[in-house]
Amino acid sequence: MCAESMQRILIACVLGIIMGLFAVGKMQIAVLAQTFIIIMMLVWAFTNFCPSLWFFKKVFPPCPWENR
């Protein structure tokens, strides 16, 4: 498993958990978590720096398409 794939899996899992929190009525926690995800995506978009991807690149090897 490579760093970029792990980061995408993590985002999918977190969004799934947030959706589950919305479904069971834990609105405040879900909104806080969703806001955190949105802020992290905006940081990534404007600065081209993603903290989770930075961490995963230290733990997992880069994906094959990153080596081109």
Protein backbone atom coordinates (compact mmCIF):
# COMPACT_ATOMS: atom_id res chain seq x y z
CA MET A 1 0.00 0.00 0.00
CA CYS A 2 1.35 3.42 -0.90
CA ALA A 3 1.10 6.80 0.86
CA GLU A 4 -1.42 8.48 -1.45
CA SER A 5 -3.74 5.47 -1.44
CA MET A 6 -3.61 5.26 2.35
CA GLN A 7 -4.47 8.96 2.62
CA ARG A 8 -7.48 8.52 0.33
CA ILE A 9 -8.63 5.49 2.32
CA LEU A 10 -8.31 7.51 5.53
CA ILE A 11 -10.40 10.37 4.12
CA ALA A 12 -13.06 7.91 2.94
CA CYS A 13 -13.19 6.26 6.37
CA VAL A 14 -13.42 9.57 8.21
CA LEU A 15 -16.20 10.80 5.91
CA GLY A 16 -18.04 7.51 6.45
CA ILE A 17 -17.78 7.92 10.22
CA ILE A 18 -19.05 11.49 9.91
CA MET A 19 -22.00 10.28 7.83
CA GLY A 20 -22.75 7.70 10.52
CA LEU A 21 -22.62 10.39 13.20
CA PHE A 22 -25.14 12.45 11.24
CA ALA A 23 -27.37 9.38 10.88
CA VAL A 24 -27.48 8.69 14.62
CA GLY A 25 -28.11 12.33 15.49
CA LYS A 26 -24.67 13.34 16.81
CA MET A 27 -24.88 16.56 14.83
CA GLN A 28 -22.43 18.67 16.84
CA ILE A 29 -19.60 16.12 16.66
CA ALA A 30 -20.31 15.45 12.98
CA VAL A 31 -20.27 19.15 12.08
CA LEU A 32 -17.00 19.67 13.97
CA ALA A 33 -15.37 16.71 12.24
CA GLN A 34 -16.68 17.79 8.83
CA THR A 35 -15.40 21.33 9.43
CA PHE A 36 -11.97 19.91 10.27
CA ILE A 37 -11.93 17.92 7.01
CA ILE A 38 -12.98 21.00 5.02
CA ILE A 39 -10.25 23.13 6.60
CA MET A 40 -7.63 20.46 5.89
CA MET A 41 -8.75 20.26 2.25
CA LEU A 42 -8.57 24.04 1.92
CA VAL A 43 -5.06 24.09 3.40
CA TRP A 44 -4.08 21.39 0.91
CA ALA A 45 -5.64 23.32 -1.99
CA PHE A 46 -4.09 26.69 -1.20
CA THR A 47 -0.64 25.61 0.03
CA ASN A 48 -0.16 22.23 -1.69
CA PHE A 49 0.69 20.82 1.76
CA CYS A 50 -1.39 18.04 3.28
CA PRO A 51 -0.34 17.09 6.83
CA SER A 52 -1.78 13.57 6.58
CA LEU A 53 -0.05 12.96 3.25
CA TRP A 54 3.21 14.32 4.70
CA PHE A 55 2.92 11.79 7.55
CA PHE A 56 1.95 8.88 5.30
CA LYS A 57 4.92 9.57 2.99
CA LYS A 58 7.20 9.09 5.99
CA VAL A 59 5.56 5.77 6.91
CA PHE A 60 4.62 4.24 3.53
CA PRO A 61 6.45 4.23 0.19
CA PRO A 62 5.32 6.60 -2.55
CA CYS A 63 2.87 5.33 -5.15
CA PRO A 64 4.31 4.14 -8.48
CA TRP A 65 2.74 7.03 -10.37
CA GLU A 66 4.62 9.49 -8.09
CA ASN A 67 7.96 8.25 -9.45
CA ARG A 68 7.34 9.48 -12.99
